[in-house]
Amino acid sequence: MTMLSKTFGIAARNFVAYPSMPDARALVDYGVRVEELGYDSVWVWDHMLLGVDPNFPIIDSLTTLTGIAARTTKIRMGTGILVLPLRNPVALAKQLSSMDQLSNGRLVMGMAAGWYKREFDAMSLPFGKRGKIMDQNLEIMRRLWTEELVTGDYKIEDEATGVQLNYKLSKAVMYPKPAQPHLPILIGGYADAALKRAGATGDGWLTYFYRAEDFKKSWDKVLGFAKEAGKDPSQVMNASQLPIMVGPSKDAVREDMMDWLNKEWDFPEHSDCTRESAIMGSVDECVAQLKEHLDAGVQKIIFVPYKYQMDQIETIAREIIPRLKAS
């Protein structure tokens, strides 16, 4: 058992399809409402830039969570995921430790190396080195959170672009530390390199739109990498983001759900994420489908409700989650 075992979170719509625009204040109100409904956590998406034609306006993930933290008292807050190589690790370590203090220890960070090259180009960061940048940033942040004095010379150079990233820490002191003794970091990604990072370096794995059987296949790899790194596999955490639409039956809602997934969501060819991961149908049908994910080893389910409609969110909270907790 881990802190995430059989817990249920909900995604927030901090990005929308243009010409619509996300509403920052409404997002904070949303966080308050889902806490009232009993969700254990609320999760936001993260990009600097997203799309061209179509493009997807997006409110900054950490700004959104800070607003929610100030208005709530119990609900945990997470990123699904934060693109770590796009951030300065010293500045991010300070921001996250401050947010964890503000929220009284309610952060659960999902982080990944990123996939959208346009963002890296816009920020003069070498896309081909994103895995190495991520590993370095993780090390710097964790040292700042756990050590009193941090000294180290960190450098990454990209021969193709000539870009150099240098962080020279000399007796660097960062206080206050996060409120949590160990701020949880779940690693997102699909390739074996990401799964190894999740098991060996991170506190666990966060995935996106996986069927139960595909989740289990990759989760077994994560646990294997954790064991190779000398970690206790029983303490490795996971969370799975799943689209869901509750209605009269699976057949009745399938067309609308597939239309939404095709218009607003990305399914990388190199991954196992798929539209067929969608949870659809009556309450009974949805419960049965979700139990397959729990049986496959999913600890935390993060619901991505159809078009973020409040009636969907309320039905999940009142009719689906209690049955899953009791199963």
C-alpha atoms as a PDB file:
ATOM      1  CA  MET A   1       0.000   0.000   0.000  1.00  0.00           C
ATOM      2  CA  THR A   2       1.144   3.533  -0.764  1.00  0.00           C
ATOM      3  CA  MET A   3      -0.308   6.961  -0.039  1.00  0.00           C
ATOM      4  CA  LEU A   4      -2.045   6.802  -3.440  1.00  0.00           C
ATOM      5  CA  SER A   5      -3.632   3.351  -3.097  1.00  0.00           C
ATOM      6  CA  LYS A   6      -7.339   3.326  -4.064  1.00  0.00           C
ATOM      7  CA  THR A   7      -7.631   7.103  -4.264  1.00  0.00           C
ATOM      8  CA  PHE A   8      -9.508   9.095  -6.864  1.00  0.00           C
ATOM      9  CA  GLY A   9      -8.662  12.451  -8.359  1.00  0.00           C
ATOM     10  CA  ILE A  10     -10.106  14.665 -11.060  1.00  0.00           C
ATOM     11  CA  ALA A  11      -8.504  16.654 -13.887  1.00  0.00           C
ATOM     12  CA  ALA A  12      -9.149  20.389 -14.282  1.00  0.00           C
ATOM     13  CA  ARG A  13      -9.646  22.034 -17.654  1.00  0.00           C
ATOM     14  CA  ASN A  14      -6.835  24.569 -17.676  1.00  0.00           C
ATOM     15  CA  PHE A  15      -6.534  24.277 -21.462  1.00  0.00           C
ATOM     16  CA  VAL A  16      -9.275  24.634 -24.073  1.00  0.00           C
ATOM     17  CA  ALA A  17      -9.531  24.696 -27.861  1.00  0.00           C
ATOM     18  CA  TYR A  18      -9.204  28.139 -29.471  1.00  0.00           C
ATOM     19  CA  PRO A  19     -11.132  30.471 -29.840  1.00  0.00           C
ATOM     20  CA  SER A  20     -12.355  29.572 -26.354  1.00  0.00           C
ATOM     21  CA  MET A  21     -10.236  30.798 -23.449  1.00  0.00           C
ATOM     22  CA  PRO A  22      -9.683  29.161 -20.048  1.00  0.00           C
ATOM     23  CA  ASP A  23     -11.067  31.055 -17.051  1.00  0.00           C
ATOM     24  CA  ALA A  24      -8.516  31.275 -14.242  1.00  0.00           C
ATOM     25  CA  ARG A  25     -11.015  32.240 -11.536  1.00  0.00           C
ATOM     26  CA  ALA A  26     -13.405  29.504 -12.605  1.00  0.00           C
ATOM     27  CA  LEU A  27     -10.573  26.987 -12.295  1.00  0.00           C
ATOM     28  CA  VAL A  28     -10.068  27.969  -8.654  1.00  0.00           C
ATOM     29  CA  ASP A  29     -13.813  27.676  -8.030  1.00  0.00           C
ATOM     30  CA  TYR A  30     -13.673  24.256  -9.666  1.00  0.00           C
ATOM     31  CA  GLY A  31     -10.973  23.181  -7.226  1.00  0.00           C
ATOM     32  CA  VAL A  32     -13.179  24.251  -4.319  1.00  0.00           C
ATOM     33  CA  ARG A  33     -16.178  22.361  -5.737  1.00  0.00           C
ATOM     34  CA  VAL A  34     -14.373  19.069  -6.356  1.00  0.00           C
ATOM     35  CA  GLU A  35     -12.988  19.207  -2.817  1.00  0.00           C
ATOM     36  CA  GLU A  36     -16.578  19.564  -1.575  1.00  0.00           C
ATOM     37  CA  LEU A  37     -17.549  16.523  -3.654  1.00  0.00           C
ATOM     38  CA  GLY A  38     -14.889  14.437  -1.947  1.00  0.00           C
ATOM     39  CA  TYR A  39     -12.263  14.009  -4.645  1.00  0.00           C
ATOM     40  CA  ASP A  40      -8.911  13.406  -3.000  1.00  0.00           C
ATOM     41  CA  SER A  41      -6.906  15.401  -5.572  1.00  0.00           C
ATOM     42  CA  VAL A  42      -7.177  17.834  -8.487  1.00  0.00           C
ATOM     43  CA  TRP A  43      -4.750  17.736 -11.427  1.00  0.00           C
ATOM     44  CA  VAL A  44      -3.818  20.293 -14.066  1.00  0.00           C
ATOM     45  CA  TRP A  45      -2.066  20.067 -17.405  1.00  0.00           C
ATOM     46  CA  ASP A  46       1.179  21.871 -18.240  1.00  0.00           C
ATOM     47  CA  HIS A  47       2.619  23.504 -21.351  1.00  0.00           C
ATOM     48  CA  MET A  48       4.207  26.814 -22.269  1.00  0.00           C
ATOM     49  CA  LEU A  49       2.885  26.616 -25.820  1.00  0.00           C
ATOM     50  CA  LEU A  50       0.362  24.137 -27.189  1.00  0.00           C
ATOM     51  CA  GLY A  51      -0.609  23.764 -30.826  1.00  0.00           C
ATOM     52  CA  VAL A  52      -0.788  26.046 -33.845  1.00  0.00           C
ATOM     53  CA  ASP A  53      -3.783  25.062 -35.946  1.00  0.00           C
ATOM     54  CA  PRO A  54      -5.638  24.272 -33.842  1.00  0.00           C
ATOM     55  CA  ASN A  55      -4.022  25.864 -30.812  1.00  0.00           C
ATOM     56  CA  PHE A  56      -4.989  25.353 -27.205  1.00  0.00           C
ATOM     57  CA  PRO A  57      -4.824  28.348 -24.830  1.00  0.00           C
ATOM     58  CA  ILE A  58      -3.592  27.145 -21.423  1.00  0.00           C
ATOM     59  CA  ILE A  59      -3.411  28.724 -17.965  1.00  0.00           C
ATOM     60  CA  ASP A  60      -0.107  28.107 -16.178  1.00  0.00           C
ATOM     61  CA  SER A  61      -0.267  24.930 -14.111  1.00  0.00           C
ATOM     62  CA  LEU A  62       1.489  26.126 -10.963  1.00  0.00           C
ATOM     63  CA  THR A  63      -0.360  29.440 -10.864  1.00  0.00           C
ATOM     64  CA  THR A  64      -3.626  27.498 -11.035  1.00  0.00           C
ATOM     65  CA  LEU A  65      -2.636  25.160  -8.203  1.00  0.00           C
ATOM     66  CA  THR A  66      -1.486  28.067  -6.039  1.00  0.00           C
ATOM     67  CA  GLY A  67      -4.918  29.657  -6.405  1.00  0.00           C
ATOM     68  CA  ILE A  68      -6.637  26.392  -5.525  1.00  0.00           C
ATOM     69  CA  ALA A  69      -4.323  25.872  -2.538  1.00  0.00           C
ATOM     70  CA  ALA A  70      -5.319  29.242  -1.112  1.00  0.00           C
ATOM     71  CA  ARG A  71      -9.036  28.397  -1.275  1.00  0.00           C
ATOM     72  CA  THR A  72      -9.006  24.762  -0.087  1.00  0.00           C
ATOM     73  CA  THR A  73      -7.882  22.823   2.964  1.00  0.00           C
ATOM     74  CA  LYS A  74      -7.869  19.090   2.195  1.00  0.00           C
ATOM     75  CA  ILE A  75      -7.621  18.271  -1.479  1.00  0.00           C
ATOM     76  CA  ARG A  76      -4.183  17.313  -2.818  1.00  0.00           C
ATOM     77  CA  MET A  77      -2.928  19.051  -5.968  1.00  0.00           C
ATOM     78  CA  GLY A  78      -0.898  17.677  -8.821  1.00  0.00           C
ATOM     79  CA  THR A  79       0.449  18.318 -12.293  1.00  0.00           C
ATOM     80  CA  GLY A  80      -0.242  15.777 -14.973  1.00  0.00           C
ATOM     81  CA  ILE A  81       2.438  16.482 -16.057  1.00  0.00           C
ATOM     82  CA  LEU A  82       4.850  19.407 -15.581  1.00  0.00           C
ATOM     83  CA  VAL A  83       7.465  19.632 -18.360  1.00  0.00           C
ATOM     84  CA  LEU A  84      10.518  19.743 -16.115  1.00  0.00           C
ATOM     85  CA  PRO A  85      13.293  20.537 -18.660  1.00  0.00           C
ATOM     86  CA  LEU A  86      11.554  23.827 -19.501  1.00  0.00           C
ATOM     87  CA  ARG A  87      12.143  25.122 -15.936  1.00  0.00           C
ATOM     88  CA  ASN A  88      15.141  26.500 -14.128  1.00  0.00           C
ATOM     89  CA  PRO A  89      15.583  23.879 -11.384  1.00  0.00           C
ATOM     90  CA  VAL A  90      16.645  26.339  -8.667  1.00  0.00           C
ATOM     91  CA  ALA A  91      13.687  28.647  -9.312  1.00  0.00           C
ATOM     92  CA  LEU A  92      11.308  25.684  -9.549  1.00  0.00           C
ATOM     93  CA  ALA A  93      12.607  24.145  -6.320  1.00  0.00           C
ATOM     94  CA  LYS A  94      11.861  27.426  -4.540  1.00  0.00           C
ATOM     95  CA  GLN A  95       8.412  27.724  -6.125  1.00  0.00           C
ATOM     96  CA  LEU A  96       7.371  24.160  -5.279  1.00  0.00           C
ATOM     97  CA  SER A  97       8.674  24.292  -1.713  1.00  0.00           C
ATOM     98  CA  SER A  98       6.742  27.532  -1.205  1.00  0.00           C
ATOM     99  CA  MET A  99       3.597  26.000  -2.704  1.00  0.00           C
ATOM    100  CA  ASP A 100       3.936  22.964  -0.461  1.00  0.00           C
ATOM    101  CA  GLN A 101       4.207  25.268   2.545  1.00  0.00           C
ATOM    102  CA  LEU A 102       1.171  27.274   1.411  1.00  0.00           C
ATOM    103  CA  SER A 103      -0.885  24.105   0.953  1.00  0.00           C
ATOM    104  CA  ASN A 104       0.353  22.475   4.182  1.00  0.00           C
ATOM    105  CA  GLY A 105       1.959  19.592   2.335  1.00  0.00           C
ATOM    106  CA  ARG A 106      -0.640  18.814  -0.329  1.00  0.00           C
ATOM    107  CA  LEU A 107       1.470  18.727  -3.513  1.00  0.00           C
ATOM    108  CA  VAL A 108       1.973  15.584  -5.626  1.00  0.00           C
ATOM    109  CA  MET A 109       4.056  16.467  -8.664  1.00  0.00           C
ATOM    110  CA  GLY A 110       3.832  14.690 -11.987  1.00  0.00           C
ATOM    111  CA  MET A 111       6.858  15.511 -14.166  1.00  0.00           C
ATOM    112  CA  ALA A 112       8.133  14.427 -17.565  1.00  0.00           C
ATOM    113  CA  ALA A 113      10.754  15.259 -20.154  1.00  0.00           C
ATOM    114  CA  GLY A 114       8.249  16.646 -22.679  1.00  0.00           C
ATOM    115  CA  TRP A 115       7.369  15.846 -26.274  1.00  0.00           C
ATOM    116  CA  TYR A 116       6.528  19.167 -27.965  1.00  0.00           C
ATOM    117  CA  LYS A 117       9.669  20.400 -29.716  1.00  0.00           C
ATOM    118  CA  ARG A 118       8.193  23.815 -30.486  1.00  0.00           C
ATOM    119  CA  GLU A 119       8.264  24.674 -26.761  1.00  0.00           C
ATOM    120  CA  PHE A 120      11.937  23.787 -26.456  1.00  0.00           C
ATOM    121  CA  ASP A 121      12.859  25.815 -29.543  1.00  0.00           C
ATOM    122  CA  ALA A 122      10.962  28.848 -28.243  1.00  0.00           C
ATOM    123  CA  MET A 123      12.874  28.683 -24.961  1.00  0.00           C
ATOM    124  CA  SER A 124      16.297  28.012 -26.547  1.00  0.00           C
ATOM    125  CA  LEU A 125      16.548  24.576 -24.974  1.00  0.00           C
ATOM    126  CA  PRO A 126      17.961  21.525 -26.803  1.00  0.00           C
ATOM    127  CA  PHE A 127      15.084  19.117 -27.404  1.00  0.00           C
ATOM    128  CA  GLY A 128      17.482  16.213 -27.950  1.00  0.00           C
ATOM    129  CA  LYS A 129      18.938  16.632 -24.459  1.00  0.00           C
ATOM    130  CA  ARG A 130      15.622  16.825 -22.602  1.00  0.00           C
ATOM    131  CA  GLY A 131      16.128  13.492 -20.815  1.00  0.00           C
ATOM    132  CA  LYS A 132      19.534  14.538 -19.479  1.00  0.00           C
ATOM    133  CA  ILE A 133      18.185  17.962 -18.512  1.00  0.00           C
ATOM    134  CA  MET A 134      15.348  16.332 -16.626  1.00  0.00           C
ATOM    135  CA  ASP A 135      17.653  14.019 -14.679  1.00  0.00           C
ATOM    136  CA  GLN A 136      19.923  16.915 -13.775  1.00  0.00           C
ATOM    137  CA  ASN A 137      17.030  19.150 -12.727  1.00  0.00           C
ATOM    138  CA  LEU A 138      15.601  16.411 -10.517  1.00  0.00           C
ATOM    139  CA  GLU A 139      18.929  15.970  -8.760  1.00  0.00           C
ATOM    140  CA  ILE A 140      19.388  19.694  -8.175  1.00  0.00           C
ATOM    141  CA  MET A 141      15.871  20.161  -6.785  1.00  0.00           C
ATOM    142  CA  ARG A 142      16.019  17.183  -4.457  1.00  0.00           C
ATOM    143  CA  ARG A 143      19.387  18.268  -3.110  1.00  0.00           C
ATOM    144  CA  LEU A 144      18.075  21.768  -2.425  1.00  0.00           C
ATOM    145  CA  TRP A 145      15.066  20.280  -0.614  1.00  0.00           C
ATOM    146  CA  THR A 146      17.014  17.841   1.547  1.00  0.00           C
ATOM    147  CA  GLU A 147      20.515  19.257   2.144  1.00  0.00           C
ATOM    148  CA  GLU A 148      21.557  22.249   4.224  1.00  0.00           C
ATOM    149  CA  LEU A 149      24.371  23.377   1.927  1.00  0.00           C
ATOM    150  CA  VAL A 150      24.434  22.357  -1.729  1.00  0.00           C
ATOM    151  CA  THR A 151      27.605  22.556  -3.781  1.00  0.00           C
ATOM    152  CA  GLY A 152      27.892  21.266  -7.313  1.00  0.00           C
ATOM    153  CA  ASP A 153      28.819  22.249 -10.840  1.00  0.00           C
ATOM    154  CA  TYR A 154      26.143  21.047 -13.259  1.00  0.00           C
ATOM    155  CA  LYS A 155      26.622  21.376 -16.995  1.00  0.00           C
ATOM    156  CA  ILE A 156      24.939  20.122 -20.158  1.00  0.00           C
ATOM    157  CA  GLU A 157      26.198  21.074 -23.595  1.00  0.00           C
ATOM    158  CA  ASP A 158      24.414  20.393 -26.865  1.00  0.00           C
ATOM    159  CA  GLU A 159      26.963  20.117 -29.668  1.00  0.00           C
ATOM    160  CA  ALA A 160      24.310  20.443 -32.388  1.00  0.00           C
ATOM    161  CA  THR A 161      23.017  23.831 -31.238  1.00  0.00           C
ATOM    162  CA  GLY A 162      25.872  25.114 -29.103  1.00  0.00           C
ATOM    163  CA  VAL A 163      23.492  25.626 -26.181  1.00  0.00           C
ATOM    164  CA  GLN A 164      25.054  25.272 -22.742  1.00  0.00           C
ATOM    165  CA  LEU A 165      23.196  24.910 -19.471  1.00  0.00           C
ATOM    166  CA  ASN A 166      25.307  25.687 -16.404  1.00  0.00           C
ATOM    167  CA  TYR A 167      24.265  25.686 -12.766  1.00  0.00           C
ATOM    168  CA  LYS A 168      27.055  26.515 -10.330  1.00  0.00           C
ATOM    169  CA  LEU A 169      25.938  25.916  -6.774  1.00  0.00           C
ATOM    170  CA  SER A 170      28.333  26.970  -4.033  1.00  0.00           C
ATOM    171  CA  LYS A 171      27.034  26.398  -0.517  1.00  0.00           C
ATOM    172  CA  ALA A 172      23.533  27.093  -1.795  1.00  0.00           C
ATOM    173  CA  VAL A 173      21.005  27.310   1.033  1.00  0.00           C
ATOM    174  CA  MET A 174      17.285  26.939   0.388  1.00  0.00           C
ATOM    175  CA  TYR A 175      14.764  27.382   3.174  1.00  0.00           C
ATOM    176  CA  PRO A 176      12.005  26.750   3.921  1.00  0.00           C
ATOM    177  CA  LYS A 177      12.024  23.181   2.717  1.00  0.00           C
ATOM    178  CA  PRO A 178       8.747  21.633   1.454  1.00  0.00           C
ATOM    179  CA  ALA A 179       6.231  20.946   4.211  1.00  0.00           C
ATOM    180  CA  GLN A 180       6.378  17.261   3.320  1.00  0.00           C
ATOM    181  CA  PRO A 181       9.584  15.461   4.340  1.00  0.00           C
ATOM    182  CA  HIS A 182       9.621  13.979   0.831  1.00  0.00           C
ATOM    183  CA  LEU A 183       7.619  15.812  -1.840  1.00  0.00           C
ATOM    184  CA  PRO A 184       6.298  12.998  -4.100  1.00  0.00           C
ATOM    185  CA  ILE A 185       7.349  13.096  -7.756  1.00  0.00           C
ATOM    186  CA  LEU A 186       5.674  10.809 -10.270  1.00  0.00           C
ATOM    187  CA  ILE A 187       7.409  10.495 -13.633  1.00  0.00           C
ATOM    188  CA  GLY A 188       5.383  10.510 -16.828  1.00  0.00           C
ATOM    189  CA  GLY A 189       6.380   8.886 -20.088  1.00  0.00           C
ATOM    190  CA  TYR A 190       6.042   5.830 -22.280  1.00  0.00           C
ATOM    191  CA  ALA A 191       9.482   4.698 -23.447  1.00  0.00           C
ATOM    192  CA  ASP A 192      11.665   2.410 -21.370  1.00  0.00           C
ATOM    193  CA  ALA A 193      13.949   5.327 -20.497  1.00  0.00           C
ATOM    194  CA  ALA A 194      11.002   7.114 -18.888  1.00  0.00           C
ATOM    195  CA  LEU A 195       9.808   3.950 -17.146  1.00  0.00           C
ATOM    196  CA  LYS A 196      13.294   3.425 -15.743  1.00  0.00           C
ATOM    197  CA  ARG A 197      13.373   7.012 -14.507  1.00  0.00           C
ATOM    198  CA  ALA A 198       9.974   6.448 -12.840  1.00  0.00           C
ATOM    199  CA  GLY A 199      11.107   3.311 -11.060  1.00  0.00           C
ATOM    200  CA  ALA A 200      14.703   4.146 -10.251  1.00  0.00           C
ATOM    201  CA  THR A 201      14.731   7.931  -9.759  1.00  0.00           C
ATOM    202  CA  GLY A 202      11.151   9.035  -9.224  1.00  0.00           C
ATOM    203  CA  ASP A 203       8.654   8.003  -6.591  1.00  0.00           C
ATOM    204  CA  GLY A 204       6.507   6.319  -9.199  1.00  0.00           C
ATOM    205  CA  TRP A 205       4.798   6.547 -12.581  1.00  0.00           C
ATOM    206  CA  LEU A 206       1.965   8.686 -13.920  1.00  0.00           C
ATOM    207  CA  THR A 207       0.381   7.627 -17.181  1.00  0.00           C
ATOM    208  CA  TYR A 208      -2.197   8.891 -19.608  1.00  0.00           C
ATOM    209  CA  PHE A 209      -5.070   7.120 -21.357  1.00  0.00           C
ATOM    210  CA  TYR A 210      -3.806   3.531 -21.057  1.00  0.00           C
ATOM    211  CA  ARG A 211      -5.972   0.423 -21.230  1.00  0.00           C
ATOM    212  CA  ALA A 212      -5.691  -1.816 -18.179  1.00  0.00           C
ATOM    213  CA  GLU A 213      -3.657  -4.495 -19.969  1.00  0.00           C
ATOM    214  CA  ASP A 214      -1.196  -1.957 -21.377  1.00  0.00           C
ATOM    215  CA  PHE A 215      -0.852  -0.287 -17.995  1.00  0.00           C
ATOM    216  CA  LYS A 216       0.081  -3.593 -16.374  1.00  0.00           C
ATOM    217  CA  LYS A 217       2.710  -4.328 -19.014  1.00  0.00           C
ATOM    218  CA  SER A 218       4.512  -1.026 -18.424  1.00  0.00           C
ATOM    219  CA  TRP A 219       3.915  -1.044 -14.664  1.00  0.00           C
ATOM    220  CA  ASP A 220       5.694  -4.378 -14.376  1.00  0.00           C
ATOM    221  CA  LYS A 221       8.680  -2.744 -16.090  1.00  0.00           C
ATOM    222  CA  VAL A 222       8.613   0.169 -13.643  1.00  0.00           C
ATOM    223  CA  LEU A 223       8.637  -2.222 -10.696  1.00  0.00           C
ATOM    224  CA  GLY A 224      11.510  -4.153 -12.241  1.00  0.00           C
ATOM    225  CA  PHE A 225      13.556  -0.984 -12.656  1.00  0.00           C
ATOM    226  CA  ALA A 226      12.787  -0.016  -9.053  1.00  0.00           C
ATOM    227  CA  LYS A 227      14.025  -3.379  -7.786  1.00  0.00           C
ATOM    228  CA  GLU A 228      17.209  -3.101  -9.874  1.00  0.00           C
ATOM    229  CA  ALA A 229      17.830   0.287  -8.245  1.00  0.00           C
ATOM    230  CA  GLY A 230      17.569  -1.264  -4.782  1.00  0.00           C
ATOM    231  CA  LYS A 231      14.162   0.197  -3.974  1.00  0.00           C
ATOM    232  CA  ASP A 232      11.234  -1.570  -2.347  1.00  0.00           C
ATOM    233  CA  PRO A 233       8.732  -2.098  -5.206  1.00  0.00           C
ATOM    234  CA  SER A 234       5.825  -2.098  -2.747  1.00  0.00           C
ATOM    235  CA  GLN A 235       6.523   1.588  -2.036  1.00  0.00           C
ATOM    236  CA  VAL A 236       6.513   2.712  -5.677  1.00  0.00           C
ATOM    237  CA  MET A 237       3.429   4.759  -6.543  1.00  0.00           C
ATOM    238  CA  ASN A 238       1.355   5.145  -9.685  1.00  0.00           C
ATOM    239  CA  ALA A 239      -1.534   7.157 -11.068  1.00  0.00           C
ATOM    240  CA  SER A 240      -3.505   6.701 -14.273  1.00  0.00           C
ATOM    241  CA  GLN A 241      -5.402   9.441 -16.092  1.00  0.00           C
ATOM    242  CA  LEU A 242      -8.545   8.039 -17.719  1.00  0.00           C
ATOM    243  CA  PRO A 243     -11.210   9.734 -19.855  1.00  0.00           C
ATOM    244  CA  ILE A 244     -14.743   8.934 -18.730  1.00  0.00           C
ATOM    245  CA  MET A 245     -18.303   9.561 -19.888  1.00  0.00           C
ATOM    246  CA  VAL A 246     -21.304   8.317 -17.935  1.00  0.00           C
ATOM    247  CA  GLY A 247     -24.583   7.860 -19.789  1.00  0.00           C
ATOM    248  CA  PRO A 248     -27.399   5.436 -20.584  1.00  0.00           C
ATOM    249  CA  SER A 249     -25.043   2.820 -22.054  1.00  0.00           C
ATOM    250  CA  LYS A 250     -21.648   2.405 -23.673  1.00  0.00           C
ATOM    251  CA  ASP A 251     -23.180   2.283 -27.126  1.00  0.00           C
ATOM    252  CA  ALA A 252     -25.221   5.425 -26.457  1.00  0.00           C
ATOM    253  CA  VAL A 253     -22.244   7.609 -25.498  1.00  0.00           C
ATOM    254  CA  ARG A 254     -19.465   6.174 -27.654  1.00  0.00           C
ATOM    255  CA  GLU A 255     -19.895   8.508 -30.646  1.00  0.00           C
ATOM    256  CA  ASP A 256     -19.847  11.690 -28.553  1.00  0.00           C
ATOM    257  CA  MET A 257     -16.875  10.495 -26.506  1.00  0.00           C
ATOM    258  CA  MET A 258     -14.799   9.533 -29.546  1.00  0.00           C
ATOM    259  CA  ASP A 259     -15.580  12.878 -31.187  1.00  0.00           C
ATOM    260  CA  TRP A 260     -14.308  14.753 -28.111  1.00  0.00           C
ATOM    261  CA  LEU A 261     -11.173  12.638 -27.843  1.00  0.00           C
ATOM    262  CA  ASN A 262     -10.384  13.120 -31.536  1.00  0.00           C
ATOM    263  CA  LYS A 263     -10.778  16.905 -31.351  1.00  0.00           C
ATOM    264  CA  GLU A 264      -8.980  17.784 -28.112  1.00  0.00           C
ATOM    265  CA  TRP A 265      -6.521  15.036 -27.209  1.00  0.00           C
ATOM    266  CA  ASP A 266      -3.182  13.766 -28.454  1.00  0.00           C
ATOM    267  CA  PHE A 267      -2.288  10.087 -28.826  1.00  0.00           C
ATOM    268  CA  PRO A 268       1.444   9.694 -29.565  1.00  0.00           C
ATOM    269  CA  GLU A 269       2.150   6.888 -32.010  1.00  0.00           C
ATOM    270  CA  HIS A 270       5.156   5.719 -29.989  1.00  0.00           C
ATOM    271  CA  SER A 271       3.024   5.046 -26.910  1.00  0.00           C
ATOM    272  CA  ASP A 272       0.267   2.692 -25.780  1.00  0.00           C
ATOM    273  CA  CYS A 273      -2.105   5.525 -24.957  1.00  0.00           C
ATOM    274  CA  THR A 274      -5.302   5.118 -26.940  1.00  0.00           C
ATOM    275  CA  ARG A 275      -8.867   6.330 -27.366  1.00  0.00           C
ATOM    276  CA  GLU A 276      -9.917   2.808 -26.449  1.00  0.00           C
ATOM    277  CA  SER A 277      -8.889   3.525 -22.863  1.00  0.00           C
ATOM    278  CA  ALA A 278     -12.083   5.562 -22.491  1.00  0.00           C
ATOM    279  CA  ILE A 279     -14.400   4.534 -19.679  1.00  0.00           C
ATOM    280  CA  MET A 280     -17.918   4.742 -21.072  1.00  0.00           C
ATOM    281  CA  GLY A 281     -21.468   3.725 -20.331  1.00  0.00           C
ATOM    282  CA  SER A 282     -23.872   3.377 -17.440  1.00  0.00           C
ATOM    283  CA  VAL A 283     -22.687   3.602 -13.850  1.00  0.00           C
ATOM    284  CA  ASP A 284     -22.567  -0.193 -13.700  1.00  0.00           C
ATOM    285  CA  GLU A 285     -20.572  -0.409 -16.929  1.00  0.00           C
ATOM    286  CA  CYS A 286     -18.130   2.286 -15.814  1.00  0.00           C
ATOM    287  CA  VAL A 287     -17.585   0.643 -12.428  1.00  0.00           C
ATOM    288  CA  ALA A 288     -16.849  -2.702 -14.109  1.00  0.00           C
ATOM    289  CA  GLN A 289     -14.360  -1.117 -16.516  1.00  0.00           C
ATOM    290  CA  LEU A 290     -12.625   0.820 -13.740  1.00  0.00           C
ATOM    291  CA  LYS A 291     -12.288  -2.289 -11.589  1.00  0.00           C
ATOM    292  CA  GLU A 292     -10.196  -3.788 -14.398  1.00  0.00           C
ATOM    293  CA  HIS A 293      -7.710  -0.942 -13.916  1.00  0.00           C
ATOM    294  CA  LEU A 294      -7.595  -1.407 -10.145  1.00  0.00           C
ATOM    295  CA  ASP A 295      -7.088  -5.143 -10.656  1.00  0.00           C
ATOM    296  CA  ALA A 296      -4.206  -4.354 -13.049  1.00  0.00           C
ATOM    297  CA  GLY A 297      -2.414  -2.476 -10.265  1.00  0.00           C
ATOM    298  CA  VAL A 298      -3.578   1.114 -10.699  1.00  0.00           C
ATOM    299  CA  GLN A 299      -3.395   2.877  -7.326  1.00  0.00           C
ATOM    300  CA  LYS A 300      -4.806   6.312  -8.125  1.00  0.00           C
ATOM    301  CA  ILE A 301      -7.352   6.936 -10.872  1.00  0.00           C
ATOM    302  CA  ILE A 302      -7.464  10.506 -12.176  1.00  0.00           C
ATOM    303  CA  PHE A 303     -10.760  11.004 -13.987  1.00  0.00           C
ATOM    304  CA  VAL A 304     -10.812  13.164 -17.110  1.00  0.00           C
ATOM    305  CA  PRO A 305     -14.570  13.750 -17.365  1.00  0.00           C
ATOM    306  CA  TYR A 306     -16.307  14.269 -20.689  1.00  0.00           C
ATOM    307  CA  LYS A 307     -16.000  17.970 -21.544  1.00  0.00           C
ATOM    308  CA  TYR A 308     -15.546  18.584 -17.793  1.00  0.00           C
ATOM    309  CA  GLN A 309     -19.314  18.715 -17.424  1.00  0.00           C
ATOM    310  CA  MET A 310     -20.353  19.176 -13.795  1.00  0.00           C
ATOM    311  CA  ASP A 311     -23.120  16.579 -13.997  1.00  0.00           C
ATOM    312  CA  GLN A 312     -20.471  14.039 -15.017  1.00  0.00           C
ATOM    313  CA  ILE A 313     -18.198  15.115 -12.168  1.00  0.00           C
ATOM    314  CA  GLU A 314     -21.012  14.867  -9.618  1.00  0.00           C
ATOM    315  CA  THR A 315     -22.147  11.446 -10.867  1.00  0.00           C
ATOM    316  CA  ILE A 316     -18.607  10.067 -10.647  1.00  0.00           C
ATOM    317  CA  ALA A 317     -18.218  11.384  -7.095  1.00  0.00           C
ATOM    318  CA  ARG A 318     -21.589  10.214  -5.806  1.00  0.00           C
ATOM    319  CA  GLU A 319     -22.245   6.970  -7.679  1.00  0.00           C
ATOM    320  CA  ILE A 320     -18.953   5.557  -8.959  1.00  0.00           C
ATOM    321  CA  ILE A 321     -16.189   6.333  -6.460  1.00  0.00           C
ATOM    322  CA  PRO A 322     -18.063   4.934  -3.412  1.00  0.00           C
ATOM    323  CA  ARG A 323     -18.502   1.614  -5.207  1.00  0.00           C
ATOM    324  CA  LEU A 324     -14.845   1.484  -6.195  1.00  0.00           C
ATOM    325  CA  LYS A 325     -13.732   2.217  -2.639  1.00  0.00           C
ATOM    326  CA  ALA A 326     -15.998  -0.550  -1.355  1.00  0.00           C
ATOM    327  CA  SER A 327     -14.802  -3.125  -3.881  1.00  0.00           C
END
